[in-house]
Amino acid sequence: MAQALLTLTYVLSPRRIIVGGSVRKAGQLGEDAFFTMIRRRFYELNNGYISSPALSAKGLETFIVPPELGDSAGVCGAVALGQDALRAGG
């Protein structure tokens, strides 16, 4: 997972990566341990290739994150899209 996120970072230069769904729960590992492992491995693999405060060991805490709405993110996004479509008349 860390390698995939790093590759996406190299190609797309995102400001933040939000990892949601069942992936972030990582089975019995748990969400906190999952994000700790992913951030640590991401940092190791990058090995200073991209030098940015966001990609520092501390910066990764706000660069690779779970969705703020947790399990409700998908439903809330769908509702927001529906509301936008209604406002646009479509």
PDB file of N, CA and C in Angstrom:
ATOM      1  N   MET A   1       0.831  -1.183   0.000  1.00  0.00           N
ATOM      2  CA  MET A   1       0.000   0.000   0.000  1.00  0.00           C
ATOM      3  C   MET A   1       0.883   1.256   0.000  1.00  0.00           C
ATOM      4  N   ALA A   2       1.916   1.259   0.805  1.00  0.00           N
ATOM      5  CA  ALA A   2       2.805   2.423   0.862  1.00  0.00           C
ATOM      6  C   ALA A   2       3.453   2.673  -0.493  1.00  0.00           C
ATOM      7  N   GLN A   3       3.875   1.605  -1.159  1.00  0.00           N
ATOM      8  CA  GLN A   3       4.502   1.753  -2.488  1.00  0.00           C
ATOM      9  C   GLN A   3       3.505   2.330  -3.484  1.00  0.00           C
ATOM     10  N   ALA A   4       2.272   1.874  -3.451  1.00  0.00           N
ATOM     11  CA  ALA A   4       1.249   2.388  -4.359  1.00  0.00           C
ATOM     12  C   ALA A   4       0.983   3.871  -4.094  1.00  0.00           C
ATOM     13  N   LEU A   5       0.877   4.250  -2.830  1.00  0.00           N
ATOM     14  CA  LEU A   5       0.632   5.653  -2.487  1.00  0.00           C
ATOM     15  C   LEU A   5       1.820   6.524  -2.884  1.00  0.00           C
ATOM     16  N   LEU A   6       3.026   6.004  -2.723  1.00  0.00           N
ATOM     17  CA  LEU A   6       4.214   6.753  -3.111  1.00  0.00           C
ATOM     18  C   LEU A   6       4.251   6.954  -4.628  1.00  0.00           C
ATOM     19  N   THR A   7       3.929   5.916  -5.377  1.00  0.00           N
ATOM     20  CA  THR A   7       3.892   6.023  -6.837  1.00  0.00           C
ATOM     21  C   THR A   7       2.856   7.051  -7.269  1.00  0.00           C
ATOM     22  N   LEU A   8       1.687   7.023  -6.649  1.00  0.00           N
ATOM     23  CA  LEU A   8       0.659   8.031  -6.951  1.00  0.00           C
ATOM     24  C   LEU A   8       1.160   9.434  -6.637  1.00  0.00           C
ATOM     25  N   THR A   9       1.897   9.561  -5.565  1.00  0.00           N
ATOM     26  CA  THR A   9       2.445  10.863  -5.177  1.00  0.00           C
ATOM     27  C   THR A   9       3.448  11.348  -6.215  1.00  0.00           C
ATOM     28  N   TYR A  10       4.309  10.463  -6.693  1.00  0.00           N
ATOM     29  CA  TYR A  10       5.283  10.832  -7.720  1.00  0.00           C
ATOM     30  C   TYR A  10       4.599  11.277  -9.010  1.00  0.00           C
ATOM     31  N   VAL A  11       3.535  10.598  -9.373  1.00  0.00           N
ATOM     32  CA  VAL A  11       2.875  10.867 -10.653  1.00  0.00           C
ATOM     33  C   VAL A  11       1.911  12.053 -10.572  1.00  0.00           C
ATOM     34  N   LEU A  12       1.130  12.142  -9.501  1.00  0.00           N
ATOM     35  CA  LEU A  12       0.046  13.119  -9.427  1.00  0.00           C
ATOM     36  C   LEU A  12       0.310  14.331  -8.534  1.00  0.00           C
ATOM     37  N   SER A  13       1.293  14.254  -7.660  1.00  0.00           N
ATOM     38  CA  SER A  13       1.614  15.341  -6.717  1.00  0.00           C
ATOM     39  C   SER A  13       0.394  15.830  -5.932  1.00  0.00           C
ATOM     40  N   PRO A  14      -0.313  14.914  -5.260  1.00  0.00           N
ATOM     41  CA  PRO A  14      -1.495  15.347  -4.502  1.00  0.00           C
ATOM     42  C   PRO A  14      -1.102  16.161  -3.274  1.00  0.00           C
ATOM     43  N   ARG A  15      -2.028  16.976  -2.797  1.00  0.00           N
ATOM     44  CA  ARG A  15      -1.806  17.720  -1.555  1.00  0.00           C
ATOM     45  C   ARG A  15      -2.105  16.858  -0.339  1.00  0.00           C
ATOM     46  N   ARG A  16      -2.937  15.841  -0.535  1.00  0.00           N
ATOM     47  CA  ARG A  16      -3.314  14.934   0.554  1.00  0.00           C
ATOM     48  C   ARG A  16      -3.826  13.642  -0.062  1.00  0.00           C
ATOM     49  N   ILE A  17      -3.617  12.537   0.645  1.00  0.00           N
ATOM     50  CA  ILE A  17      -4.155  11.246   0.217  1.00  0.00           C
ATOM     51  C   ILE A  17      -5.103  10.773   1.311  1.00  0.00           C
ATOM     52  N   ILE A  18      -6.343  10.517   0.917  1.00  0.00           N
ATOM     53  CA  ILE A  18      -7.358  10.040   1.851  1.00  0.00           C
ATOM     54  C   ILE A  18      -7.622   8.572   1.542  1.00  0.00           C
ATOM     55  N   VAL A  19      -7.354   7.718   2.514  1.00  0.00           N
ATOM     56  CA  VAL A  19      -7.534   6.274   2.350  1.00  0.00           C
ATOM     57  C   VAL A  19      -8.787   5.885   3.120  1.00  0.00           C
ATOM     58  N   GLY A  20      -9.835   5.504   2.395  1.00  0.00           N
ATOM     59  CA  GLY A  20     -11.098   5.188   3.053  1.00  0.00           C
ATOM     60  C   GLY A  20     -11.542   3.762   2.809  1.00  0.00           C
ATOM     61  N   GLY A  21     -12.769   3.508   3.115  1.00  0.00           N
ATOM     62  CA  GLY A  21     -13.355   2.189   2.926  1.00  0.00           C
ATOM     63  C   GLY A  21     -12.779   1.158   3.877  1.00  0.00           C
ATOM     64  N   SER A  22     -12.927  -0.087   3.502  1.00  0.00           N
ATOM     65  CA  SER A  22     -12.469  -1.162   4.382  1.00  0.00           C
ATOM     66  C   SER A  22     -10.948  -1.273   4.409  1.00  0.00           C
ATOM     67  N   VAL A  23     -10.270  -0.683   3.420  1.00  0.00           N
ATOM     68  CA  VAL A  23      -8.808  -0.736   3.387  1.00  0.00           C
ATOM     69  C   VAL A  23      -8.223  -0.109   4.649  1.00  0.00           C
ATOM     70  N   ARG A  24      -8.760   1.018   5.070  1.00  0.00           N
ATOM     71  CA  ARG A  24      -8.195   1.730   6.219  1.00  0.00           C
ATOM     72  C   ARG A  24      -8.369   0.978   7.530  1.00  0.00           C
ATOM     73  N   LYS A  25      -9.300   0.066   7.577  1.00  0.00           N
ATOM     74  CA  LYS A  25      -9.521  -0.695   8.809  1.00  0.00           C
ATOM     75  C   LYS A  25      -8.516  -1.830   8.958  1.00  0.00           C
ATOM     76  N   ALA A  26      -7.963  -2.293   7.866  1.00  0.00           N
ATOM     77  CA  ALA A  26      -6.883  -3.290   7.834  1.00  0.00           C
ATOM     78  C   ALA A  26      -7.159  -4.512   8.698  1.00  0.00           C
ATOM     79  N   GLY A  27      -8.358  -5.009   8.637  1.00  0.00           N
ATOM     80  CA  GLY A  27      -8.691  -6.231   9.371  1.00  0.00           C
ATOM     81  C   GLY A  27      -8.435  -6.106  10.860  1.00  0.00           C
ATOM     82  N   GLN A  28      -7.764  -7.074  11.426  1.00  0.00           N
ATOM     83  CA  GLN A  28      -7.495  -7.081  12.861  1.00  0.00           C
ATOM     84  C   GLN A  28      -6.385  -6.112  13.257  1.00  0.00           C
ATOM     85  N   LEU A  29      -5.638  -5.626  12.305  1.00  0.00           N
ATOM     86  CA  LEU A  29      -4.562  -4.681  12.585  1.00  0.00           C
ATOM     87  C   LEU A  29      -5.101  -3.400  13.203  1.00  0.00           C
ATOM     88  N   GLY A  30      -6.187  -2.902  12.673  1.00  0.00           N
ATOM     89  CA  GLY A  30      -6.795  -1.675  13.186  1.00  0.00           C
ATOM     90  C   GLY A  30      -6.311  -0.448  12.432  1.00  0.00           C
ATOM     91  N   GLU A  31      -7.144   0.570  12.429  1.00  0.00           N
ATOM     92  CA  GLU A  31      -6.882   1.778  11.648  1.00  0.00           C
ATOM     93  C   GLU A  31      -5.626   2.525  12.099  1.00  0.00           C
ATOM     94  N   ASP A  32      -5.450   2.721  13.387  1.00  0.00           N
ATOM     95  CA  ASP A  32      -4.286   3.472  13.863  1.00  0.00           C
ATOM     96  C   ASP A  32      -2.977   2.780  13.500  1.00  0.00           C
ATOM     97  N   ALA A  33      -2.905   1.492  13.724  1.00  0.00           N
ATOM     98  CA  ALA A  33      -1.692   0.743  13.396  1.00  0.00           C
ATOM     99  C   ALA A  33      -1.461   0.737  11.885  1.00  0.00           C
ATOM    100  N   PHE A  34      -2.532   0.625  11.113  1.00  0.00           N
ATOM    101  CA  PHE A  34      -2.430   0.636   9.657  1.00  0.00           C
ATOM    102  C   PHE A  34      -1.796   1.938   9.174  1.00  0.00           C
ATOM    103  N   PHE A  35      -2.317   3.066   9.623  1.00  0.00           N
ATOM    104  CA  PHE A  35      -1.793   4.354   9.173  1.00  0.00           C
ATOM    105  C   PHE A  35      -0.363   4.581   9.661  1.00  0.00           C
ATOM    106  N   THR A  36      -0.054   4.136  10.854  1.00  0.00           N
ATOM    107  CA  THR A  36       1.319   4.251  11.355  1.00  0.00           C
ATOM    108  C   THR A  36       2.272   3.473  10.463  1.00  0.00           C
ATOM    109  N   MET A  37       1.917   2.237  10.120  1.00  0.00           N
ATOM    110  CA  MET A  37       2.765   1.405   9.264  1.00  0.00           C
ATOM    111  C   MET A  37       2.903   1.987   7.855  1.00  0.00           C
ATOM    112  N   ILE A  38       1.806   2.431   7.287  1.00  0.00           N
ATOM    113  CA  ILE A  38       1.822   2.971   5.930  1.00  0.00           C
ATOM    114  C   ILE A  38       2.684   4.223   5.868  1.00  0.00           C
ATOM    115  N   ARG A  39       2.502   5.128   6.820  1.00  0.00           N
ATOM    116  CA  ARG A  39       3.294   6.367   6.821  1.00  0.00           C
ATOM    117  C   ARG A  39       4.780   6.073   7.004  1.00  0.00           C
ATOM    118  N   ARG A  40       5.104   5.162   7.899  1.00  0.00           N
ATOM    119  CA  ARG A  40       6.511   4.829   8.146  1.00  0.00           C
ATOM    120  C   ARG A  40       7.152   4.242   6.883  1.00  0.00           C
ATOM    121  N   ARG A  41       6.463   3.298   6.262  1.00  0.00           N
ATOM    122  CA  ARG A  41       7.013   2.655   5.067  1.00  0.00           C
ATOM    123  C   ARG A  41       7.083   3.637   3.898  1.00  0.00           C
ATOM    124  N   PHE A  42       6.095   4.488   3.748  1.00  0.00           N
ATOM    125  CA  PHE A  42       6.080   5.531   2.713  1.00  0.00           C
ATOM    126  C   PHE A  42       7.326   6.403   2.871  1.00  0.00           C
ATOM    127  N   TYR A  43       7.598   6.831   4.097  1.00  0.00           N
ATOM    128  CA  TYR A  43       8.756   7.678   4.398  1.00  0.00           C
ATOM    129  C   TYR A  43      10.060   6.957   4.046  1.00  0.00           C
ATOM    130  N   GLU A  44      10.147   5.688   4.423  1.00  0.00           N
ATOM    131  CA  GLU A  44      11.349   4.896   4.129  1.00  0.00           C
ATOM    132  C   GLU A  44      11.554   4.733   2.626  1.00  0.00           C
ATOM    133  N   LEU A  45      10.497   4.413   1.902  1.00  0.00           N
ATOM    134  CA  LEU A  45      10.599   4.205   0.461  1.00  0.00           C
ATOM    135  C   LEU A  45      10.950   5.491  -0.286  1.00  0.00           C
ATOM    136  N   ASN A  46      10.391   6.603   0.149  1.00  0.00           N
ATOM    137  CA  ASN A  46      10.696   7.885  -0.489  1.00  0.00           C
ATOM    138  C   ASN A  46      12.173   8.232  -0.310  1.00  0.00           C
ATOM    139  N   ASN A  47      12.725   7.936   0.838  1.00  0.00           N
ATOM    140  CA  ASN A  47      14.156   8.091   1.126  1.00  0.00           C
ATOM    141  C   ASN A  47      14.695   9.461   0.717  1.00  0.00           C
ATOM    142  N   GLY A  48      13.866  10.502   0.926  1.00  0.00           N
ATOM    143  CA  GLY A  48      14.297  11.860   0.610  1.00  0.00           C
ATOM    144  C   GLY A  48      14.236  12.216  -0.863  1.00  0.00           C
ATOM    145  N   TYR A  49      13.711  11.334  -1.718  1.00  0.00           N
ATOM    146  CA  TYR A  49      13.645  11.592  -3.161  1.00  0.00           C
ATOM    147  C   TYR A  49      12.860  12.872  -3.440  1.00  0.00           C
ATOM    148  N   ILE A  50      11.696  12.999  -2.797  1.00  0.00           N
ATOM    149  CA  ILE A  50      10.953  14.254  -2.848  1.00  0.00           C
ATOM    150  C   ILE A  50      11.145  14.916  -1.492  1.00  0.00           C
ATOM    151  N   SER A  51      11.736  16.091  -1.507  1.00  0.00           N
ATOM    152  CA  SER A  51      11.967  16.821  -0.270  1.00  0.00           C
ATOM    153  C   SER A  51      10.848  17.845  -0.093  1.00  0.00           C
ATOM    154  N   SER A  52       9.986  17.590   0.862  1.00  0.00           N
ATOM    155  CA  SER A  52       8.840  18.458   1.120  1.00  0.00           C
ATOM    156  C   SER A  52       8.435  18.319   2.583  1.00  0.00           C
ATOM    157  N   PRO A  53       8.039  19.415   3.225  1.00  0.00           N
ATOM    158  CA  PRO A  53       7.573  19.303   4.609  1.00  0.00           C
ATOM    159  C   PRO A  53       6.396  18.328   4.746  1.00  0.00           C
ATOM    160  N   ALA A  54       5.554  18.255   3.719  1.00  0.00           N
ATOM    161  CA  ALA A  54       4.401  17.348   3.767  1.00  0.00           C
ATOM    162  C   ALA A  54       4.829  15.892   3.784  1.00  0.00           C
ATOM    163  N   LEU A  55       6.015  15.604   3.240  1.00  0.00           N
ATOM    164  CA  LEU A  55       6.478  14.224   3.167  1.00  0.00           C
ATOM    165  C   LEU A  55       7.538  13.905   4.218  1.00  0.00           C
ATOM    166  N   SER A  56       7.680  14.788   5.196  1.00  0.00           N
ATOM    167  CA  SER A  56       8.566  14.493   6.327  1.00  0.00           C
ATOM    168  C   SER A  56       7.861  13.498   7.236  1.00  0.00           C
ATOM    169  N   ALA A  57       8.585  12.913   8.153  1.00  0.00           N
ATOM    170  CA  ALA A  57       7.979  11.935   9.068  1.00  0.00           C
ATOM    171  C   ALA A  57       6.784  12.551   9.790  1.00  0.00           C
ATOM    172  N   LYS A  58       6.901  13.781  10.227  1.00  0.00           N
ATOM    173  CA  LYS A  58       5.800  14.462  10.938  1.00  0.00           C
ATOM    174  C   LYS A  58       4.700  14.898   9.964  1.00  0.00           C
ATOM    175  N   GLY A  59       5.098  15.376   8.794  1.00  0.00           N
ATOM    176  CA  GLY A  59       4.134  15.864   7.808  1.00  0.00           C
ATOM    177  C   GLY A  59       3.211  14.790   7.269  1.00  0.00           C
ATOM    178  N   LEU A  60       3.693  13.548   7.255  1.00  0.00           N
ATOM    179  CA  LEU A  60       2.866  12.457   6.734  1.00  0.00           C
ATOM    180  C   LEU A  60       1.616  12.216   7.570  1.00  0.00           C
ATOM    181  N   GLU A  61       1.610  12.693   8.804  1.00  0.00           N
ATOM    182  CA  GLU A  61       0.430  12.533   9.657  1.00  0.00           C
ATOM    183  C   GLU A  61      -0.765  13.295   9.106  1.00  0.00           C
ATOM    184  N   THR A  62      -0.518  14.342   8.327  1.00  0.00           N
ATOM    185  CA  THR A  62      -1.615  15.088   7.718  1.00  0.00           C
ATOM    186  C   THR A  62      -1.654  14.905   6.203  1.00  0.00           C
ATOM    187  N   PHE A  63      -0.717  14.125   5.644  1.00  0.00           N
ATOM    188  CA  PHE A  63      -0.691  13.866   4.199  1.00  0.00           C
ATOM    189  C   PHE A  63      -1.449  12.586   3.849  1.00  0.00           C
ATOM    190  N   ILE A  64      -1.249  11.531   4.624  1.00  0.00           N
ATOM    191  CA  ILE A  64      -1.962  10.266   4.415  1.00  0.00           C
ATOM    192  C   ILE A  64      -2.929  10.121   5.582  1.00  0.00           C
ATOM    193  N   VAL A  65      -4.213  10.259   5.290  1.00  0.00           N
ATOM    194  CA  VAL A  65      -5.212  10.343   6.353  1.00  0.00           C
ATOM    195  C   VAL A  65      -6.456   9.510   6.044  1.00  0.00           C
ATOM    196  N   PRO A  66      -7.208   9.165   7.084  1.00  0.00           N
ATOM    197  CA  PRO A  66      -8.521   8.546   6.869  1.00  0.00           C
ATOM    198  C   PRO A  66      -9.539   9.654   6.577  1.00  0.00           C
ATOM    199  N   PRO A  67     -10.695   9.315   6.022  1.00  0.00           N
ATOM    200  CA  PRO A  67     -11.718  10.335   5.775  1.00  0.00           C
ATOM    201  C   PRO A  67     -12.249  10.888   7.094  1.00  0.00           C
ATOM    202  N   GLU A  68     -12.452  12.191   7.137  1.00  0.00           N
ATOM    203  CA  GLU A  68     -12.945  12.817   8.367  1.00  0.00           C
ATOM    204  C   GLU A  68     -14.323  12.295   8.766  1.00  0.00           C
ATOM    205  N   LEU A  69     -15.114  11.894   7.793  1.00  0.00           N
ATOM    206  CA  LEU A  69     -16.467  11.406   8.074  1.00  0.00           C
ATOM    207  C   LEU A  69     -16.510   9.898   8.326  1.00  0.00           C
ATOM    208  N   GLY A  70     -15.349   9.263   8.314  1.00  0.00           N
ATOM    209  CA  GLY A  70     -15.290   7.831   8.593  1.00  0.00           C
ATOM    210  C   GLY A  70     -16.121   7.013   7.629  1.00  0.00           C
ATOM    211  N   ASP A  71     -16.922   6.104   8.158  1.00  0.00           N
ATOM    212  CA  ASP A  71     -17.739   5.223   7.327  1.00  0.00           C
ATOM    213  C   ASP A  71     -18.893   5.952   6.644  1.00  0.00           C
ATOM    214  N   SER A  72     -19.172   7.183   7.053  1.00  0.00           N
ATOM    215  CA  SER A  72     -20.275   7.955   6.467  1.00  0.00           C
ATOM    216  C   SER A  72     -19.845   8.773   5.254  1.00  0.00           C
ATOM    217  N   ALA A  73     -18.563   8.763   4.915  1.00  0.00           N
ATOM    218  CA  ALA A  73     -18.050   9.613   3.838  1.00  0.00           C
ATOM    219  C   ALA A  73     -18.746   9.344   2.505  1.00  0.00           C
ATOM    220  N   GLY A  74     -18.905   8.092   2.133  1.00  0.00           N
ATOM    221  CA  GLY A  74     -19.532   7.760   0.862  1.00  0.00           C
ATOM    222  C   GLY A  74     -20.977   8.218   0.781  1.00  0.00           C
ATOM    223  N   VAL A  75     -21.726   7.982   1.835  1.00  0.00           N
ATOM    224  CA  VAL A  75     -23.134   8.371   1.868  1.00  0.00           C
ATOM    225  C   VAL A  75     -23.265   9.890   1.831  1.00  0.00           C
ATOM    226  N   CYS A  76     -22.458  10.582   2.606  1.00  0.00           N
ATOM    227  CA  CYS A  76     -22.506  12.048   2.621  1.00  0.00           C
ATOM    228  C   CYS A  76     -22.123  12.627   1.261  1.00  0.00           C
ATOM    229  N   GLY A  77     -21.147  12.018   0.599  1.00  0.00           N
ATOM    230  CA  GLY A  77     -20.759  12.469  -0.732  1.00  0.00           C
ATOM    231  C   GLY A  77     -21.878  12.271  -1.737  1.00  0.00           C
ATOM    232  N   ALA A  78     -22.564  11.143  -1.649  1.00  0.00           N
ATOM    233  CA  ALA A  78     -23.679  10.874  -2.557  1.00  0.00           C
ATOM    234  C   ALA A  78     -24.814  11.869  -2.344  1.00  0.00           C
ATOM    235  N   VAL A  79     -25.098  12.178  -1.096  1.00  0.00           N
ATOM    236  CA  VAL A  79     -26.140  13.165  -0.787  1.00  0.00           C
ATOM    237  C   VAL A  79     -25.746  14.532  -1.331  1.00  0.00           C
ATOM    238  N   ALA A  80     -24.489  14.920  -1.146  1.00  0.00           N
ATOM    239  CA  ALA A  80     -24.014  16.218  -1.646  1.00  0.00           C
ATOM    240  C   ALA A  80     -24.126  16.290  -3.168  1.00  0.00           C
ATOM    241  N   LEU A  81     -23.753  15.211  -3.866  1.00  0.00           N
ATOM    242  CA  LEU A  81     -23.882  15.198  -5.322  1.00  0.00           C
ATOM    243  C   LEU A  81     -25.347  15.313  -5.752  1.00  0.00           C
ATOM    244  N   GLY A  82     -26.227  14.627  -5.042  1.00  0.00           N
ATOM    245  CA  GLY A  82     -27.660  14.718  -5.341  1.00  0.00           C
ATOM    246  C   GLY A  82     -28.196  16.126  -5.144  1.00  0.00           C
ATOM    247  N   GLN A  83     -27.772  16.775  -4.060  1.00  0.00           N
ATOM    248  CA  GLN A  83     -28.206  18.138  -3.802  1.00  0.00           C
ATOM    249  C   GLN A  83     -27.700  19.093  -4.884  1.00  0.00           C
ATOM    250  N   ASP A  84     -26.452  18.915  -5.302  1.00  0.00           N
ATOM    251  CA  ASP A  84     -25.900  19.733  -6.366  1.00  0.00           C
ATOM    252  C   ASP A  84     -26.679  19.546  -7.668  1.00  0.00           C
ATOM    253  N   ALA A  85     -27.040  18.297  -7.974  1.00  0.00           N
ATOM    254  CA  ALA A  85     -27.794  18.027  -9.190  1.00  0.00           C
ATOM    255  C   ALA A  85     -29.175  18.673  -9.136  1.00  0.00           C
ATOM    256  N   LEU A  86     -29.818  18.647  -7.978  1.00  0.00           N
ATOM    257  CA  LEU A  86     -31.127  19.279  -7.837  1.00  0.00           C
ATOM    258  C   LEU A  86     -31.035  20.792  -8.011  1.00  0.00           C
ATOM    259  N   ARG A  87     -30.004  21.399  -7.439  1.00  0.00           N
ATOM    260  CA  ARG A  87     -29.812  22.853  -7.575  1.00  0.00           C
ATOM    261  C   ARG A  87     -29.549  23.237  -9.028  1.00  0.00           C
ATOM    262  N   ALA A  88     -28.861  22.368  -9.757  1.00  0.00           N
ATOM    263  CA  ALA A  88     -28.521  22.662 -11.158  1.00  0.00           C
ATOM    264  C   ALA A  88     -29.690  22.356 -12.096  1.00  0.00           C
ATOM    265  N   GLY A  89     -30.763  21.780 -11.530  1.00  0.00           N
ATOM    266  CA  GLY A  89     -31.927  21.486 -12.335  1.00  0.00           C
ATOM    267  C   GLY A  89     -31.851  20.190 -13.115  1.00  0.00           C
ATOM    268  N   GLY A  90     -30.942  19.322 -12.683  1.00  0.00           N
ATOM    269  CA  GLY A  90     -30.775  18.108 -13.465  1.00  0.00           C
ATOM    270  C   GLY A  90     -31.058  16.907 -12.704  1.00  0.00           C
TER     271      GLY A  90
END
